[in-house]
């Protein structure tokens, strides 16, 4: 996920040093914010799937917004113990899976503003103030994503394949056809970085145009951050796109991607689709604290 998605660090009371926690101190763990008026049954969360060793979430309401929360030991996520826990896959993996499972269940019942893993508040008062401060923005967001989920389209290509680079060379160098085979090879080796960069730009643009053709069934599309390019000439991700799609639109979306596959393959691009998830990439920013007032 991108996903500039943290709501912020734990909201500790003023004057409490980080790492200096009272024994047994607890924090509010936030899974998601939902529409308080939605047809949402707390028992449905508890009965929504196989039970796990973690505390089942409850709803906390503040005005038109409801928060799906549980109480957790503060030391699990802040302080010396947290550094060890968050680097221990055996500790981390089941908790992230639990977080994802809760989101999957709740997204079937209500529009969801999903919180990233380990989003904490010090107490219910600070959480309620946060919810009320952003109630209008959240209400607009819930209206926009009601009945929607997020899918991700990924486009990958091998940028330094010999045929692809030769095709670029033919277009870039008018004398290419007259060059001897050995000269062609040496020139490809010499200018490989610039040819790869040119091919990257071409396929990136093509991937974006292909993704645009998925509207509809997608009602909105957002580019996502690309991973770093590999140092070797292996396959590279040249496009990532978040698609906002109706809950019942998975079949139409899959058919749309399949219809684009041939055009993509002709240009050395492979398309893949993953999801669905709550609409992480379409969330508005919700700062923890308002900016300071101007003098």
C-alpha atoms as a PDB file:
ATOM      1  CA  UNK A   1       0.000   0.000   0.000  1.00  0.00           C
ATOM      2  CA  UNK A   2       1.164   3.530  -0.592  1.00  0.00           C
ATOM      3  CA  UNK A   3       0.247   4.507   0.604  1.00  0.00           C
ATOM      4  CA  UNK A   4       0.954   7.787   2.618  1.00  0.00           C
ATOM      5  CA  UNK A   5      -1.608   6.134   4.721  1.00  0.00           C
ATOM      6  CA  UNK A   6      -0.638   6.437   8.367  1.00  0.00           C
ATOM      7  CA  UNK A   7      -2.957   8.545  10.441  1.00  0.00           C
ATOM      8  CA  UNK A   8       0.004   9.402  12.630  1.00  0.00           C
ATOM      9  CA  UNK A   9       1.883   8.061  15.636  1.00  0.00           C
ATOM     10  CA  UNK A  10       0.202   7.013  18.839  1.00  0.00           C
ATOM     11  CA  UNK A  11      -1.577   9.988  20.354  1.00  0.00           C
ATOM     12  CA  UNK A  12       0.189  10.050  23.743  1.00  0.00           C
ATOM     13  CA  UNK A  13      -0.957  12.443  26.432  1.00  0.00           C
ATOM     14  CA  UNK A  14       1.158  15.581  26.754  1.00  0.00           C
ATOM     15  CA  UNK A  15       4.215  15.154  28.910  1.00  0.00           C
ATOM     16  CA  UNK A  16       4.441  11.373  28.690  1.00  0.00           C
ATOM     17  CA  UNK A  17       7.836  10.376  27.213  1.00  0.00           C
ATOM     18  CA  UNK A  18       7.754   7.716  24.534  1.00  0.00           C
ATOM     19  CA  UNK A  19       8.796   4.378  25.980  1.00  0.00           C
ATOM     20  CA  UNK A  20       7.959   5.429  29.578  1.00  0.00           C
ATOM     21  CA  UNK A  21       4.641   3.618  29.923  1.00  0.00           C
ATOM     22  CA  UNK A  22       2.853   2.516  33.044  1.00  0.00           C
ATOM     23  CA  UNK A  23       2.799  -1.281  33.423  1.00  0.00           C
ATOM     24  CA  UNK A  24      -0.268  -2.680  31.707  1.00  0.00           C
ATOM     25  CA  UNK A  25      -1.070   0.591  29.894  1.00  0.00           C
ATOM     26  CA  UNK A  26      -3.571   0.120  27.077  1.00  0.00           C
ATOM     27  CA  UNK A  27      -4.244   1.957  23.823  1.00  0.00           C
ATOM     28  CA  UNK A  28      -7.111   2.119  21.350  1.00  0.00           C
ATOM     29  CA  UNK A  29      -6.287   0.137  18.204  1.00  0.00           C
ATOM     30  CA  UNK A  30      -8.201   1.475  15.186  1.00  0.00           C
ATOM     31  CA  UNK A  31      -9.092  -0.915  12.354  1.00  0.00           C
ATOM     32  CA  UNK A  32     -11.415   1.297  10.349  1.00  0.00           C
ATOM     33  CA  UNK A  33     -13.894   4.156  10.362  1.00  0.00           C
ATOM     34  CA  UNK A  34     -17.383   3.464   9.040  1.00  0.00           C
ATOM     35  CA  UNK A  35     -20.694   5.209   8.528  1.00  0.00           C
ATOM     36  CA  UNK A  36     -22.556   5.115  11.844  1.00  0.00           C
ATOM     37  CA  UNK A  37     -25.873   5.068   9.998  1.00  0.00           C
ATOM     38  CA  UNK A  38     -25.007   2.050   7.857  1.00  0.00           C
ATOM     39  CA  UNK A  39     -26.785  -1.253   8.333  1.00  0.00           C
ATOM     40  CA  UNK A  40     -24.024  -2.629  10.500  1.00  0.00           C
ATOM     41  CA  UNK A  41     -24.374  -5.369  13.109  1.00  0.00           C
ATOM     42  CA  UNK A  42     -21.608  -5.764  15.690  1.00  0.00           C
ATOM     43  CA  UNK A  43     -22.392  -9.431  16.137  1.00  0.00           C
ATOM     44  CA  UNK A  44     -21.743  -9.916  12.439  1.00  0.00           C
ATOM     45  CA  UNK A  45     -18.130  -8.903  12.952  1.00  0.00           C
ATOM     46  CA  UNK A  46     -17.644 -11.508  15.666  1.00  0.00           C
ATOM     47  CA  UNK A  47     -19.342 -14.184  13.605  1.00  0.00           C
ATOM     48  CA  UNK A  48     -17.798 -13.171  10.305  1.00  0.00           C
ATOM     49  CA  UNK A  49     -15.287 -15.972   9.987  1.00  0.00           C
ATOM     50  CA  UNK A  50     -13.020 -18.336  11.806  1.00  0.00           C
ATOM     51  CA  UNK A  51     -12.141 -17.088  15.282  1.00  0.00           C
ATOM     52  CA  UNK A  52      -8.595 -16.053  16.022  1.00  0.00           C
ATOM     53  CA  UNK A  53      -6.579 -15.503  19.205  1.00  0.00           C
ATOM     54  CA  UNK A  54      -7.036 -11.728  19.160  1.00  0.00           C
ATOM     55  CA  UNK A  55      -9.705  -9.624  20.821  1.00  0.00           C
ATOM     56  CA  UNK A  56     -12.699  -9.184  18.551  1.00  0.00           C
ATOM     57  CA  UNK A  57     -13.365  -5.560  17.594  1.00  0.00           C
ATOM     58  CA  UNK A  58     -16.220  -3.437  18.867  1.00  0.00           C
ATOM     59  CA  UNK A  59     -17.893  -0.292  17.559  1.00  0.00           C
ATOM     60  CA  UNK A  60     -17.381   3.132  19.094  1.00  0.00           C
ATOM     61  CA  UNK A  61     -19.685   5.864  17.787  1.00  0.00           C
ATOM     62  CA  UNK A  62     -19.089   9.599  17.690  1.00  0.00           C
ATOM     63  CA  UNK A  63     -21.770  11.558  15.843  1.00  0.00           C
ATOM     64  CA  UNK A  64     -22.256  10.232  12.297  1.00  0.00           C
ATOM     65  CA  UNK A  65     -19.029   8.194  12.366  1.00  0.00           C
ATOM     66  CA  UNK A  66     -18.297   4.823  13.963  1.00  0.00           C
ATOM     67  CA  UNK A  67     -14.881   3.359  14.695  1.00  0.00           C
ATOM     68  CA  UNK A  68     -14.051  -0.317  14.714  1.00  0.00           C
ATOM     69  CA  UNK A  69     -11.612  -0.707  17.593  1.00  0.00           C
ATOM     70  CA  UNK A  70     -10.081  -2.975  20.208  1.00  0.00           C
ATOM     71  CA  UNK A  71      -7.887  -2.435  23.258  1.00  0.00           C
ATOM     72  CA  UNK A  72      -4.237  -3.483  22.986  1.00  0.00           C
ATOM     73  CA  UNK A  73      -1.187  -3.304  25.278  1.00  0.00           C
ATOM     74  CA  UNK A  74       0.545  -0.024  24.525  1.00  0.00           C
ATOM     75  CA  UNK A  75       3.951  -1.646  24.948  1.00  0.00           C
ATOM     76  CA  UNK A  76       3.237  -3.917  21.950  1.00  0.00           C
ATOM     77  CA  UNK A  77       3.449  -0.942  19.595  1.00  0.00           C
ATOM     78  CA  UNK A  78       5.488   1.721  21.423  1.00  0.00           C
ATOM     79  CA  UNK A  79       8.751   1.544  23.297  1.00  0.00           C
ATOM     80  CA  UNK A  80      11.541  -0.995  23.520  1.00  0.00           C
ATOM     81  CA  UNK A  81       9.315  -4.075  23.231  1.00  0.00           C
ATOM     82  CA  UNK A  82       7.679  -2.726  20.083  1.00  0.00           C
ATOM     83  CA  UNK A  83      10.959  -2.523  18.180  1.00  0.00           C
ATOM     84  CA  UNK A  84      11.495  -6.212  18.831  1.00  0.00           C
ATOM     85  CA  UNK A  85       7.895  -7.200  18.053  1.00  0.00           C
ATOM     86  CA  UNK A  86       7.669  -5.271  14.804  1.00  0.00           C
ATOM     87  CA  UNK A  87      10.782  -6.973  13.445  1.00  0.00           C
ATOM     88  CA  UNK A  88       9.586 -10.459  14.470  1.00  0.00           C
ATOM     89  CA  UNK A  89       7.600 -12.043  11.639  1.00  0.00           C
ATOM     90  CA  UNK A  90       6.145 -14.682  13.958  1.00  0.00           C
ATOM     91  CA  UNK A  91       4.641 -11.873  16.076  1.00  0.00           C
ATOM     92  CA  UNK A  92       3.770  -9.518  13.235  1.00  0.00           C
ATOM     93  CA  UNK A  93       2.236 -11.827  10.627  1.00  0.00           C
ATOM     94  CA  UNK A  94      -0.804 -13.108  12.575  1.00  0.00           C
ATOM     95  CA  UNK A  95      -1.661  -9.585  13.700  1.00  0.00           C
ATOM     96  CA  UNK A  96      -1.521  -8.121  10.207  1.00  0.00           C
ATOM     97  CA  UNK A  97      -3.611 -11.033   8.928  1.00  0.00           C
ATOM     98  CA  UNK A  98      -6.142 -10.412  11.693  1.00  0.00           C
ATOM     99  CA  UNK A  99      -6.274  -6.713  10.771  1.00  0.00           C
ATOM    100  CA  UNK A 100      -6.885  -7.597   7.101  1.00  0.00           C
ATOM    101  CA  UNK A 101      -9.562 -10.153   8.012  1.00  0.00           C
ATOM    102  CA  UNK A 102     -11.452  -7.562  10.069  1.00  0.00           C
ATOM    103  CA  UNK A 103     -11.380  -5.135   7.131  1.00  0.00           C
ATOM    104  CA  UNK A 104     -12.627  -7.813   4.727  1.00  0.00           C
ATOM    105  CA  UNK A 105     -15.593  -8.547   6.975  1.00  0.00           C
ATOM    106  CA  UNK A 106     -16.558  -4.950   7.643  1.00  0.00           C
ATOM    107  CA  UNK A 107     -16.329  -3.902   3.983  1.00  0.00           C
ATOM    108  CA  UNK A 108     -19.244  -6.262   3.268  1.00  0.00           C
ATOM    109  CA  UNK A 109     -21.469  -4.253   5.615  1.00  0.00           C
ATOM    110  CA  UNK A 110     -20.513  -0.611   5.196  1.00  0.00           C
ATOM    111  CA  UNK A 111     -18.378   1.872   3.286  1.00  0.00           C
ATOM    112  CA  UNK A 112     -14.997   1.741   5.006  1.00  0.00           C
ATOM    113  CA  UNK A 113     -12.159   4.168   5.694  1.00  0.00           C
ATOM    114  CA  UNK A 114      -9.475   1.558   6.408  1.00  0.00           C
ATOM    115  CA  UNK A 115      -6.815   2.428   8.963  1.00  0.00           C
ATOM    116  CA  UNK A 116      -3.276   1.124   8.446  1.00  0.00           C
ATOM    117  CA  UNK A 117      -1.946  -1.587  10.719  1.00  0.00           C
ATOM    118  CA  UNK A 118      -0.972  -0.287  14.202  1.00  0.00           C
ATOM    119  CA  UNK A 119      -2.928   2.973  14.108  1.00  0.00           C
ATOM    120  CA  UNK A 120      -3.344   3.830  17.797  1.00  0.00           C
ATOM    121  CA  UNK A 121      -5.091   6.420  19.959  1.00  0.00           C
ATOM    122  CA  UNK A 122      -4.375   7.040  23.626  1.00  0.00           C
ATOM    123  CA  UNK A 123      -8.036   7.032  24.692  1.00  0.00           C
ATOM    124  CA  UNK A 124     -11.640   7.253  23.481  1.00  0.00           C
ATOM    125  CA  UNK A 125     -11.764  11.025  23.987  1.00  0.00           C
ATOM    126  CA  UNK A 126      -8.922  11.638  21.524  1.00  0.00           C
ATOM    127  CA  UNK A 127     -10.431   9.185  19.045  1.00  0.00           C
ATOM    128  CA  UNK A 128     -13.880  10.785  19.316  1.00  0.00           C
ATOM    129  CA  UNK A 129     -12.425  14.261  18.777  1.00  0.00           C
ATOM    130  CA  UNK A 130     -10.629  13.014  15.685  1.00  0.00           C
ATOM    131  CA  UNK A 131     -13.804  11.408  14.304  1.00  0.00           C
ATOM    132  CA  UNK A 132     -15.934  14.506  14.876  1.00  0.00           C
ATOM    133  CA  UNK A 133     -13.300  16.823  13.400  1.00  0.00           C
ATOM    134  CA  UNK A 134     -13.376  14.875  10.129  1.00  0.00           C
ATOM    135  CA  UNK A 135     -17.047  13.868  10.080  1.00  0.00           C
ATOM    136  CA  UNK A 136     -17.886  15.955   6.996  1.00  0.00           C
ATOM    137  CA  UNK A 137     -14.925  14.708   4.957  1.00  0.00           C
ATOM    138  CA  UNK A 138     -15.631  11.133   5.973  1.00  0.00           C
ATOM    139  CA  UNK A 139     -19.312  11.485   5.093  1.00  0.00           C
ATOM    140  CA  UNK A 140     -18.415  12.606   1.566  1.00  0.00           C
ATOM    141  CA  UNK A 141     -15.926   9.762   1.260  1.00  0.00           C
ATOM    142  CA  UNK A 142     -18.440   7.153   2.414  1.00  0.00           C
ATOM    143  CA  UNK A 143     -20.916   8.426  -0.145  1.00  0.00           C
ATOM    144  CA  UNK A 144     -18.337   8.174  -2.929  1.00  0.00           C
ATOM    145  CA  UNK A 145     -17.234   4.610  -2.107  1.00  0.00           C
ATOM    146  CA  UNK A 146     -20.552   3.076  -1.028  1.00  0.00           C
ATOM    147  CA  UNK A 147     -20.848  -0.286  -2.772  1.00  0.00           C
ATOM    148  CA  UNK A 148     -17.277  -0.025  -4.094  1.00  0.00           C
ATOM    149  CA  UNK A 149     -14.012  -1.896  -3.606  1.00  0.00           C
ATOM    150  CA  UNK A 150     -10.456  -1.331  -4.786  1.00  0.00           C
ATOM    151  CA  UNK A 151      -8.586  -3.497  -7.284  1.00  0.00           C
ATOM    152  CA  UNK A 152      -5.000  -3.070  -8.437  1.00  0.00           C
ATOM    153  CA  UNK A 153      -3.850  -3.386 -12.038  1.00  0.00           C
ATOM    154  CA  UNK A 154      -0.141  -4.022 -12.484  1.00  0.00           C
ATOM    155  CA  UNK A 155       1.743  -3.788 -15.791  1.00  0.00           C
ATOM    156  CA  UNK A 156       5.170  -5.424 -16.128  1.00  0.00           C
ATOM    157  CA  UNK A 157       7.689  -5.559 -18.965  1.00  0.00           C
ATOM    158  CA  UNK A 158      11.231  -6.694 -19.691  1.00  0.00           C
ATOM    159  CA  UNK A 159      12.833  -3.461 -20.846  1.00  0.00           C
ATOM    160  CA  UNK A 160      16.163  -4.692 -22.181  1.00  0.00           C
ATOM    161  CA  UNK A 161      15.145  -7.615 -24.371  1.00  0.00           C
ATOM    162  CA  UNK A 162      17.190  -7.656 -27.562  1.00  0.00           C
ATOM    163  CA  UNK A 163      14.172  -7.479 -29.948  1.00  0.00           C
ATOM    164  CA  UNK A 164      12.696  -4.508 -28.046  1.00  0.00           C
ATOM    165  CA  UNK A 165      15.966  -2.581 -28.055  1.00  0.00           C
ATOM    166  CA  UNK A 166      16.564  -3.303 -31.743  1.00  0.00           C
ATOM    167  CA  UNK A 167      13.075  -2.030 -32.577  1.00  0.00           C
ATOM    168  CA  UNK A 168      13.875   1.214 -30.758  1.00  0.00           C
ATOM    169  CA  UNK A 169      17.236   1.440 -32.504  1.00  0.00           C
ATOM    170  CA  UNK A 170      15.626   1.063 -35.927  1.00  0.00           C
ATOM    171  CA  UNK A 171      13.337   4.001 -35.169  1.00  0.00           C
ATOM    172  CA  UNK A 172      16.062   6.143 -33.580  1.00  0.00           C
ATOM    173  CA  UNK A 173      18.936   5.563 -35.982  1.00  0.00           C
ATOM    174  CA  UNK A 174      18.261   6.032 -39.736  1.00  0.00           C
ATOM    175  CA  UNK A 175      21.446   4.163 -40.684  1.00  0.00           C
ATOM    176  CA  UNK A 176      20.562   1.044 -38.634  1.00  0.00           C
ATOM    177  CA  UNK A 177      19.763  -1.133 -41.673  1.00  0.00           C
ATOM    178  CA  UNK A 178      23.143  -0.398 -43.252  1.00  0.00           C
ATOM    179  CA  UNK A 179      25.189  -1.318 -40.179  1.00  0.00           C
ATOM    180  CA  UNK A 180      27.036  -4.625 -39.969  1.00  0.00           C
ATOM    181  CA  UNK A 181      25.786  -7.113 -37.370  1.00  0.00           C
ATOM    182  CA  UNK A 182      28.817  -6.617 -35.141  1.00  0.00           C
ATOM    183  CA  UNK A 183      28.514  -2.846 -35.318  1.00  0.00           C
ATOM    184  CA  UNK A 184      24.845  -3.081 -34.371  1.00  0.00           C
ATOM    185  CA  UNK A 185      25.718  -5.149 -31.322  1.00  0.00           C
ATOM    186  CA  UNK A 186      28.433  -2.757 -30.171  1.00  0.00           C
ATOM    187  CA  UNK A 187      26.171   0.236 -30.654  1.00  0.00           C
ATOM    188  CA  UNK A 188      23.361  -1.447 -28.693  1.00  0.00           C
ATOM    189  CA  UNK A 189      25.784  -2.119 -25.843  1.00  0.00           C
ATOM    190  CA  UNK A 190      27.065   1.460 -25.898  1.00  0.00           C
ATOM    191  CA  UNK A 191      23.622   3.097 -25.946  1.00  0.00           C
ATOM    192  CA  UNK A 192      21.771   0.511 -23.853  1.00  0.00           C
ATOM    193  CA  UNK A 193      20.991   2.888 -20.915  1.00  0.00           C
ATOM    194  CA  UNK A 194      19.370   5.496 -23.186  1.00  0.00           C
ATOM    195  CA  UNK A 195      17.434   2.839 -25.113  1.00  0.00           C
ATOM    196  CA  UNK A 196      16.144   1.256 -21.899  1.00  0.00           C
ATOM    197  CA  UNK A 197      15.084   4.677 -20.618  1.00  0.00           C
ATOM    198  CA  UNK A 198      13.244   5.368 -23.881  1.00  0.00           C
ATOM    199  CA  UNK A 199      11.493   1.994 -23.742  1.00  0.00           C
ATOM    200  CA  UNK A 200      10.542   2.566 -20.104  1.00  0.00           C
ATOM    201  CA  UNK A 201       8.859   5.842 -21.021  1.00  0.00           C
ATOM    202  CA  UNK A 202       7.018   4.225 -23.938  1.00  0.00           C
ATOM    203  CA  UNK A 203       5.623   1.278 -22.000  1.00  0.00           C
ATOM    204  CA  UNK A 204       4.776   3.430 -18.993  1.00  0.00           C
ATOM    205  CA  UNK A 205       2.687   5.684 -21.229  1.00  0.00           C
ATOM    206  CA  UNK A 206       1.055   2.702 -22.922  1.00  0.00           C
ATOM    207  CA  UNK A 207       0.230   1.070 -19.581  1.00  0.00           C
ATOM    208  CA  UNK A 208      -1.480   4.274 -18.426  1.00  0.00           C
ATOM    209  CA  UNK A 209      -3.552   4.439 -21.622  1.00  0.00           C
ATOM    210  CA  UNK A 210      -4.560   0.791 -21.268  1.00  0.00           C
ATOM    211  CA  UNK A 211      -5.631   1.363 -17.653  1.00  0.00           C
ATOM    212  CA  UNK A 212      -7.784   4.320 -18.713  1.00  0.00           C
ATOM    213  CA  UNK A 213      -9.745   1.953 -20.968  1.00  0.00           C
ATOM    214  CA  UNK A 214     -11.024   0.158 -17.856  1.00  0.00           C
ATOM    215  CA  UNK A 215     -13.321   3.105 -17.072  1.00  0.00           C
ATOM    216  CA  UNK A 216     -15.948   1.605 -16.983  1.00  0.00           C
ATOM    217  CA  UNK A 217     -16.302  -0.804 -15.225  1.00  0.00           C
ATOM    218  CA  UNK A 218     -14.037   1.199 -12.895  1.00  0.00           C
ATOM    219  CA  UNK A 219     -15.564   4.493 -11.762  1.00  0.00           C
ATOM    220  CA  UNK A 220     -12.213   6.030 -10.774  1.00  0.00           C
ATOM    221  CA  UNK A 221      -8.519   5.341 -11.339  1.00  0.00           C
ATOM    222  CA  UNK A 222      -5.413   6.476  -9.497  1.00  0.00           C
ATOM    223  CA  UNK A 223      -1.755   5.784 -10.382  1.00  0.00           C
ATOM    224  CA  UNK A 224       0.229   4.133  -7.591  1.00  0.00           C
ATOM    225  CA  UNK A 225       3.904   4.494  -6.722  1.00  0.00           C
ATOM    226  CA  UNK A 226       6.152   2.171  -8.706  1.00  0.00           C
ATOM    227  CA  UNK A 227       8.744  -0.014  -6.978  1.00  0.00           C
ATOM    228  CA  UNK A 228      12.418   0.757  -7.659  1.00  0.00           C
ATOM    229  CA  UNK A 229      13.664  -0.529 -10.986  1.00  0.00           C
ATOM    230  CA  UNK A 230      15.758  -3.699 -10.658  1.00  0.00           C
ATOM    231  CA  UNK A 231      19.468  -3.328 -11.283  1.00  0.00           C
ATOM    232  CA  UNK A 232      19.493  -6.293 -13.645  1.00  0.00           C
ATOM    233  CA  UNK A 233      17.545  -6.470 -16.874  1.00  0.00           C
ATOM    234  CA  UNK A 234      14.795  -8.565 -15.303  1.00  0.00           C
ATOM    235  CA  UNK A 235      11.109  -7.809 -15.599  1.00  0.00           C
ATOM    236  CA  UNK A 236      10.171  -4.384 -14.246  1.00  0.00           C
ATOM    237  CA  UNK A 237       6.856  -2.996 -13.028  1.00  0.00           C
ATOM    238  CA  UNK A 238       6.046  -0.147 -15.413  1.00  0.00           C
ATOM    239  CA  UNK A 239       2.568   0.730 -14.163  1.00  0.00           C
ATOM    240  CA  UNK A 240       0.432   0.295 -11.045  1.00  0.00           C
ATOM    241  CA  UNK A 241      -3.119   1.611 -10.888  1.00  0.00           C
ATOM    242  CA  UNK A 242      -5.817   1.559  -8.234  1.00  0.00           C
ATOM    243  CA  UNK A 243      -9.295   1.003  -9.669  1.00  0.00           C
ATOM    244  CA  UNK A 244     -12.506   1.811  -7.816  1.00  0.00           C
ATOM    245  CA  UNK A 245     -15.018  -0.822  -8.885  1.00  0.00           C
ATOM    246  CA  UNK A 246     -18.572  -1.752  -7.798  1.00  0.00           C
ATOM    247  CA  UNK A 247     -18.815  -4.765  -5.495  1.00  0.00           C
ATOM    248  CA  UNK A 248     -20.482  -6.757  -8.254  1.00  0.00           C
ATOM    249  CA  UNK A 249     -18.062  -5.562 -10.955  1.00  0.00           C
ATOM    250  CA  UNK A 250     -15.294  -8.151 -10.554  1.00  0.00           C
ATOM    251  CA  UNK A 251     -16.404 -10.177 -13.576  1.00  0.00           C
ATOM    252  CA  UNK A 252     -16.662  -7.150 -15.853  1.00  0.00           C
ATOM    253  CA  UNK A 253     -13.275  -5.923 -14.680  1.00  0.00           C
ATOM    254  CA  UNK A 254     -11.606  -9.276 -15.337  1.00  0.00           C
ATOM    255  CA  UNK A 255     -13.112  -9.369 -18.831  1.00  0.00           C
ATOM    256  CA  UNK A 256     -11.887  -5.836 -19.464  1.00  0.00           C
ATOM    257  CA  UNK A 257      -8.336  -6.731 -18.464  1.00  0.00           C
ATOM    258  CA  UNK A 258      -8.443  -9.846 -20.628  1.00  0.00           C
ATOM    259  CA  UNK A 259      -9.609  -7.765 -23.588  1.00  0.00           C
ATOM    260  CA  UNK A 260      -6.542  -5.535 -23.168  1.00  0.00           C
ATOM    261  CA  UNK A 261      -4.105  -8.420 -22.740  1.00  0.00           C
ATOM    262  CA  UNK A 262      -3.384  -8.947 -26.444  1.00  0.00           C
ATOM    263  CA  UNK A 263      -2.634  -5.289 -27.111  1.00  0.00           C
ATOM    264  CA  UNK A 264      -0.413  -5.231 -24.044  1.00  0.00           C
ATOM    265  CA  UNK A 265       1.416  -8.445 -25.027  1.00  0.00           C
ATOM    266  CA  UNK A 266       2.111  -7.078 -28.523  1.00  0.00           C
ATOM    267  CA  UNK A 267       4.123  -4.369 -26.784  1.00  0.00           C
ATOM    268  CA  UNK A 268       5.864  -6.716 -24.350  1.00  0.00           C
ATOM    269  CA  UNK A 269       3.631  -5.826 -21.403  1.00  0.00           C
ATOM    270  CA  UNK A 270       2.028  -8.343 -19.049  1.00  0.00           C
ATOM    271  CA  UNK A 271      -1.060  -7.281 -17.074  1.00  0.00           C
ATOM    272  CA  UNK A 272      -2.152  -8.696 -13.716  1.00  0.00           C
ATOM    273  CA  UNK A 273      -5.095  -7.919 -11.458  1.00  0.00           C
ATOM    274  CA  UNK A 274      -5.324  -8.278  -7.673  1.00  0.00           C
ATOM    275  CA  UNK A 275      -7.950  -7.501  -5.039  1.00  0.00           C
ATOM    276  CA  UNK A 276     -10.494  -6.665  -3.896  1.00  0.00           C
ATOM    277  CA  UNK A 277      -9.644  -4.513  -0.878  1.00  0.00           C
ATOM    278  CA  UNK A 278     -11.170  -1.599   0.974  1.00  0.00           C
ATOM    279  CA  UNK A 279     -10.499   1.634  -0.946  1.00  0.00           C
ATOM    280  CA  UNK A 280      -7.093   2.462   0.579  1.00  0.00           C
ATOM    281  CA  UNK A 281      -5.901   4.496  -2.389  1.00  0.00           C
ATOM    282  CA  UNK A 282      -8.997   6.695  -2.599  1.00  0.00           C
ATOM    283  CA  UNK A 283      -9.071   7.867   1.011  1.00  0.00           C
ATOM    284  CA  UNK A 284      -8.860  11.582   1.801  1.00  0.00           C
ATOM    285  CA  UNK A 285      -6.037  12.729   4.063  1.00  0.00           C
ATOM    286  CA  UNK A 286      -7.140  13.063   7.685  1.00  0.00           C
ATOM    287  CA  UNK A 287      -4.461  14.895   9.679  1.00  0.00           C
ATOM    288  CA  UNK A 288      -4.306  14.013  13.366  1.00  0.00           C
ATOM    289  CA  UNK A 289      -4.184  17.632  14.450  1.00  0.00           C
ATOM    290  CA  UNK A 290      -5.336  20.767  12.630  1.00  0.00           C
ATOM    291  CA  UNK A 291      -2.565  23.105  11.414  1.00  0.00           C
ATOM    292  CA  UNK A 292      -1.652  25.899  13.846  1.00  0.00           C
ATOM    293  CA  UNK A 293      -3.686  29.068  13.469  1.00  0.00           C
ATOM    294  CA  UNK A 294      -1.938  31.912  11.674  1.00  0.00           C
ATOM    295  CA  UNK A 295      -0.932  34.870  13.822  1.00  0.00           C
END
